[in-house]
Amino acid sequence: MSTSANITQVEALWFPLVKKFYQTYYPSGKPNKSEPLWVIKQGPTIIAAVRIKPFVDCQLMTGLVTHPEYRQQGYGSTLLDALRSEFEHIPSFCLNQPELIPFYQQHDFVLVQDEHSLPDDIQGRLRRYRVKQPELVAMVYQSATR
């Protein structure tokens, strides 16, 4: 990862650029101004982004996407590492394709074995998303400090 890139929580001023980034590189990831968003940017270029959807008793990390020209360079890992403190204070989940399990396991997410134990908000999203993505799996953040 370039040393001139930095990670920042998105301010309102940047929201239109982040929205455009998602429309271009991850159209199903629709950012919401009320949800926390983090990006890695290099000057005016957004390199990677991730969103956190808060619920009453948990949160869903979603929409992790890297600009195609910067993929396989560690930017997704850098974002997840920077957000560890966000994941540690409330149960944090992600929903992803099975081929991404090893990636998320490297960042202390573990596969949820009993999906009936998921919070209602996460269960509901998993059911809805599986209509179009039947292989989707649920993972939960489980650091050594929890």
C-alpha atoms as a PDB file:
ATOM      1  CA  MET A   1       0.000   0.000   0.000  1.00  0.00           C
ATOM      2  CA  SER A   2       1.284   3.449  -0.858  1.00  0.00           C
ATOM      3  CA  THR A   3       2.438   5.533   2.094  1.00  0.00           C
ATOM      4  CA  SER A   4       0.715   8.605   0.656  1.00  0.00           C
ATOM      5  CA  ALA A   5      -2.747   7.019   1.001  1.00  0.00           C
ATOM      6  CA  ASN A   6      -4.723   7.670   4.170  1.00  0.00           C
ATOM      7  CA  ILE A   7      -7.750   6.183   5.912  1.00  0.00           C
ATOM      8  CA  THR A   8     -10.500   8.508   6.983  1.00  0.00           C
ATOM      9  CA  GLN A   9     -14.093   8.384   8.092  1.00  0.00           C
ATOM     10  CA  VAL A  10     -16.134  10.061   5.390  1.00  0.00           C
ATOM     11  CA  GLU A  11     -17.260  13.608   6.040  1.00  0.00           C
ATOM     12  CA  ALA A  12     -20.465  14.962   4.476  1.00  0.00           C
ATOM     13  CA  LEU A  13     -18.446  16.848   1.868  1.00  0.00           C
ATOM     14  CA  TRP A  14     -17.018  13.575   0.503  1.00  0.00           C
ATOM     15  CA  PHE A  15     -20.307  11.663   0.467  1.00  0.00           C
ATOM     16  CA  PRO A  16     -21.187  12.423  -3.196  1.00  0.00           C
ATOM     17  CA  LEU A  17     -17.759  11.160  -4.290  1.00  0.00           C
ATOM     18  CA  VAL A  18     -18.114   7.992  -2.223  1.00  0.00           C
ATOM     19  CA  LYS A  19     -21.596   7.429  -3.644  1.00  0.00           C
ATOM     20  CA  LYS A  20     -20.191   7.771  -7.171  1.00  0.00           C
ATOM     21  CA  PHE A  21     -17.351   5.366  -6.260  1.00  0.00           C
ATOM     22  CA  TYR A  22     -19.918   2.742  -5.191  1.00  0.00           C
ATOM     23  CA  GLN A  23     -22.072   3.326  -8.282  1.00  0.00           C
ATOM     24  CA  THR A  24     -19.036   2.733 -10.458  1.00  0.00           C
ATOM     25  CA  TYR A  25     -17.360  -0.213  -8.736  1.00  0.00           C
ATOM     26  CA  TYR A  26     -20.042  -1.840  -6.568  1.00  0.00           C
ATOM     27  CA  PRO A  27     -23.515  -0.764  -7.756  1.00  0.00           C
ATOM     28  CA  SER A  28     -25.384  -2.939  -5.253  1.00  0.00           C
ATOM     29  CA  GLY A  29     -23.532  -1.216  -2.382  1.00  0.00           C
ATOM     30  CA  LYS A  30     -25.696   1.825  -1.844  1.00  0.00           C
ATOM     31  CA  PRO A  31     -24.188   4.140   0.779  1.00  0.00           C
ATOM     32  CA  ASN A  32     -26.428   6.054   3.144  1.00  0.00           C
ATOM     33  CA  LYS A  33     -25.449   9.413   4.637  1.00  0.00           C
ATOM     34  CA  SER A  34     -26.543   8.234   8.077  1.00  0.00           C
ATOM     35  CA  GLU A  35     -24.178   5.226   8.089  1.00  0.00           C
ATOM     36  CA  PRO A  36     -20.502   5.460   8.978  1.00  0.00           C
ATOM     37  CA  LEU A  37     -18.280   5.125   5.912  1.00  0.00           C
ATOM     38  CA  TRP A  38     -14.513   4.822   5.779  1.00  0.00           C
ATOM     39  CA  VAL A  39     -12.299   5.258   2.780  1.00  0.00           C
ATOM     40  CA  ILE A  40      -8.688   5.053   1.812  1.00  0.00           C
ATOM     41  CA  LYS A  41      -7.913   7.944  -0.439  1.00  0.00           C
ATOM     42  CA  GLN A  42      -4.840   9.130  -2.203  1.00  0.00           C
ATOM     43  CA  GLY A  43      -5.236  12.806  -2.947  1.00  0.00           C
ATOM     44  CA  PRO A  44      -8.663  13.122  -4.565  1.00  0.00           C
ATOM     45  CA  THR A  45      -8.820   9.430  -5.557  1.00  0.00           C
ATOM     46  CA  ILE A  46     -10.847   6.980  -3.481  1.00  0.00           C
ATOM     47  CA  ILE A  47      -8.972   3.691  -3.475  1.00  0.00           C
ATOM     48  CA  ALA A  48     -11.157   1.606  -1.167  1.00  0.00           C
ATOM     49  CA  ALA A  49     -14.316   2.033   0.893  1.00  0.00           C
ATOM     50  CA  VAL A  50     -16.322   0.196   3.533  1.00  0.00           C
ATOM     51  CA  ARG A  51     -19.598   0.884   5.319  1.00  0.00           C
ATOM     52  CA  ILE A  52     -20.964  -0.042   8.706  1.00  0.00           C
ATOM     53  CA  LYS A  53     -24.721  -0.440   9.073  1.00  0.00           C
ATOM     54  CA  PRO A  54     -25.613   0.098  12.748  1.00  0.00           C
ATOM     55  CA  PHE A  55     -28.491  -1.713  14.440  1.00  0.00           C
ATOM     56  CA  VAL A  56     -29.663  -1.588  18.062  1.00  0.00           C
ATOM     57  CA  ASP A  57     -27.672  -4.598  19.286  1.00  0.00           C
ATOM     58  CA  CYS A  58     -25.115  -5.182  16.525  1.00  0.00           C
ATOM     59  CA  GLN A  59     -23.663  -3.819  13.306  1.00  0.00           C
ATOM     60  CA  LEU A  60     -23.065  -5.071   9.786  1.00  0.00           C
ATOM     61  CA  MET A  61     -19.819  -4.320   7.991  1.00  0.00           C
ATOM     62  CA  THR A  62     -20.742  -4.116   4.341  1.00  0.00           C
ATOM     63  CA  GLY A  63     -19.701  -2.797   0.981  1.00  0.00           C
ATOM     64  CA  LEU A  64     -15.964  -3.402   1.247  1.00  0.00           C
ATOM     65  CA  VAL A  65     -14.748  -2.515  -2.229  1.00  0.00           C
ATOM     66  CA  THR A  66     -11.413  -1.550  -3.751  1.00  0.00           C
ATOM     67  CA  HIS A  67     -10.902   0.374  -6.988  1.00  0.00           C
ATOM     68  CA  PRO A  68      -9.985  -2.236  -9.654  1.00  0.00           C
ATOM     69  CA  GLU A  69      -6.576  -0.670 -10.332  1.00  0.00           C
ATOM     70  CA  TYR A  70      -5.616  -1.089  -6.655  1.00  0.00           C
ATOM     71  CA  ARG A  71      -6.899  -4.598  -5.932  1.00  0.00           C
ATOM     72  CA  GLN A  72      -4.640  -7.302  -4.495  1.00  0.00           C
ATOM     73  CA  GLN A  73      -2.423  -4.669  -2.867  1.00  0.00           C
ATOM     74  CA  GLY A  74      -3.685  -4.933   0.719  1.00  0.00           C
ATOM     75  CA  TYR A  75      -6.087  -1.995   0.837  1.00  0.00           C
ATOM     76  CA  GLY A  76      -9.061  -4.074   1.976  1.00  0.00           C
ATOM     77  CA  SER A  77      -6.939  -5.569   4.750  1.00  0.00           C
ATOM     78  CA  THR A  78      -5.743  -2.133   5.757  1.00  0.00           C
ATOM     79  CA  LEU A  79      -9.328  -0.896   6.097  1.00  0.00           C
ATOM     80  CA  LEU A  80     -10.370  -3.894   8.193  1.00  0.00           C
ATOM     81  CA  ASP A  81      -7.321  -3.559  10.436  1.00  0.00           C
ATOM     82  CA  ALA A  82      -8.058   0.141  10.949  1.00  0.00           C
ATOM     83  CA  LEU A  83     -11.640  -0.663  11.975  1.00  0.00           C
ATOM     84  CA  ARG A  84     -10.821  -3.246  14.653  1.00  0.00           C
ATOM     85  CA  SER A  85     -11.800  -0.853  17.436  1.00  0.00           C
ATOM     86  CA  GLU A  86     -15.162  -0.302  15.705  1.00  0.00           C
ATOM     87  CA  PHE A  87     -15.747  -4.060  15.615  1.00  0.00           C
ATOM     88  CA  GLU A  88     -14.779  -4.693  19.240  1.00  0.00           C
ATOM     89  CA  HIS A  89     -17.413  -2.617  21.066  1.00  0.00           C
ATOM     90  CA  ILE A  90     -20.558  -4.274  19.630  1.00  0.00           C
ATOM     91  CA  PRO A  91     -21.201  -7.609  17.887  1.00  0.00           C
ATOM     92  CA  SER A  92     -20.074  -7.054  14.298  1.00  0.00           C
ATOM     93  CA  PHE A  93     -21.046  -9.170  11.328  1.00  0.00           C
ATOM     94  CA  CYS A  94     -20.374  -9.436   7.614  1.00  0.00           C
ATOM     95  CA  LEU A  95     -22.183 -11.350   4.885  1.00  0.00           C
ATOM     96  CA  ASN A  96     -20.048 -12.603   2.032  1.00  0.00           C
ATOM     97  CA  GLN A  97     -19.421 -15.249  -0.591  1.00  0.00           C
ATOM     98  CA  PRO A  98     -17.719 -18.478   0.581  1.00  0.00           C
ATOM     99  CA  GLU A  99     -14.549 -17.744  -1.403  1.00  0.00           C
ATOM    100  CA  LEU A 100     -13.979 -14.703   0.838  1.00  0.00           C
ATOM    101  CA  ILE A 101     -14.058 -16.690   4.100  1.00  0.00           C
ATOM    102  CA  PRO A 102     -10.228 -17.001   4.316  1.00  0.00           C
ATOM    103  CA  PHE A 103      -9.814 -13.250   3.766  1.00  0.00           C
ATOM    104  CA  TYR A 104     -12.201 -12.358   6.577  1.00  0.00           C
ATOM    105  CA  GLN A 105     -10.762 -15.060   8.847  1.00  0.00           C
ATOM    106  CA  GLN A 106      -7.408 -13.273   8.584  1.00  0.00           C
ATOM    107  CA  HIS A 107      -9.170 -10.295  10.175  1.00  0.00           C
ATOM    108  CA  ASP A 108     -10.751 -12.191  13.104  1.00  0.00           C
ATOM    109  CA  PHE A 109     -14.139 -12.902  11.561  1.00  0.00           C
ATOM    110  CA  VAL A 110     -15.390 -16.458  12.108  1.00  0.00           C
ATOM    111  CA  LEU A 111     -18.099 -18.352  10.275  1.00  0.00           C
ATOM    112  CA  VAL A 112     -21.439 -18.354  12.092  1.00  0.00           C
ATOM    113  CA  GLN A 113     -22.302 -22.024  12.606  1.00  0.00           C
ATOM    114  CA  ASP A 114     -25.866 -21.520  13.839  1.00  0.00           C
ATOM    115  CA  GLU A 115     -27.587 -18.896  11.717  1.00  0.00           C
ATOM    116  CA  HIS A 116     -30.611 -19.030  14.041  1.00  0.00           C
ATOM    117  CA  SER A 117     -28.395 -17.407  16.687  1.00  0.00           C
ATOM    118  CA  LEU A 118     -27.898 -14.309  14.519  1.00  0.00           C
ATOM    119  CA  PRO A 119     -29.556 -11.075  15.638  1.00  0.00           C
ATOM    120  CA  ASP A 120     -32.899 -10.544  13.883  1.00  0.00           C
ATOM    121  CA  ASP A 121     -31.590  -7.653  11.781  1.00  0.00           C
ATOM    122  CA  ILE A 122     -28.729  -9.768  10.417  1.00  0.00           C
ATOM    123  CA  GLN A 123     -30.933 -12.845   9.881  1.00  0.00           C
ATOM    124  CA  GLY A 124     -33.424 -10.772   7.910  1.00  0.00           C
ATOM    125  CA  ARG A 125     -30.759  -9.302   5.643  1.00  0.00           C
ATOM    126  CA  LEU A 126     -29.160 -12.699   5.100  1.00  0.00           C
ATOM    127  CA  ARG A 127     -32.526 -14.156   4.022  1.00  0.00           C
ATOM    128  CA  ARG A 128     -33.211 -11.247   1.636  1.00  0.00           C
ATOM    129  CA  TYR A 129     -29.717 -11.250   0.132  1.00  0.00           C
ATOM    130  CA  ARG A 130     -29.795 -15.013  -0.419  1.00  0.00           C
ATOM    131  CA  VAL A 131     -32.650 -14.597  -2.883  1.00  0.00           C
ATOM    132  CA  LYS A 132     -30.051 -13.350  -5.394  1.00  0.00           C
ATOM    133  CA  GLN A 133     -26.921 -14.801  -3.754  1.00  0.00           C
ATOM    134  CA  PRO A 134     -27.849 -18.238  -2.344  1.00  0.00           C
ATOM    135  CA  GLU A 135     -24.268 -19.096  -1.307  1.00  0.00           C
ATOM    136  CA  LEU A 136     -23.919 -16.115   1.032  1.00  0.00           C
ATOM    137  CA  VAL A 137     -22.470 -16.870   4.481  1.00  0.00           C
ATOM    138  CA  ALA A 138     -22.581 -14.945   7.752  1.00  0.00           C
ATOM    139  CA  MET A 139     -19.448 -14.209   9.773  1.00  0.00           C
ATOM    140  CA  VAL A 140     -18.976 -12.518  13.130  1.00  0.00           C
ATOM    141  CA  TYR A 141     -15.991 -10.582  14.425  1.00  0.00           C
ATOM    142  CA  GLN A 142     -14.338 -12.421  17.303  1.00  0.00           C
ATOM    143  CA  SER A 143     -11.117 -10.862  18.493  1.00  0.00           C
ATOM    144  CA  ALA A 144      -8.957 -12.238  21.261  1.00  0.00           C
ATOM    145  CA  THR A 145      -9.984  -9.267  23.453  1.00  0.00           C
ATOM    146  CA  ARG A 146     -13.688 -10.115  23.370  1.00  0.00           C
END
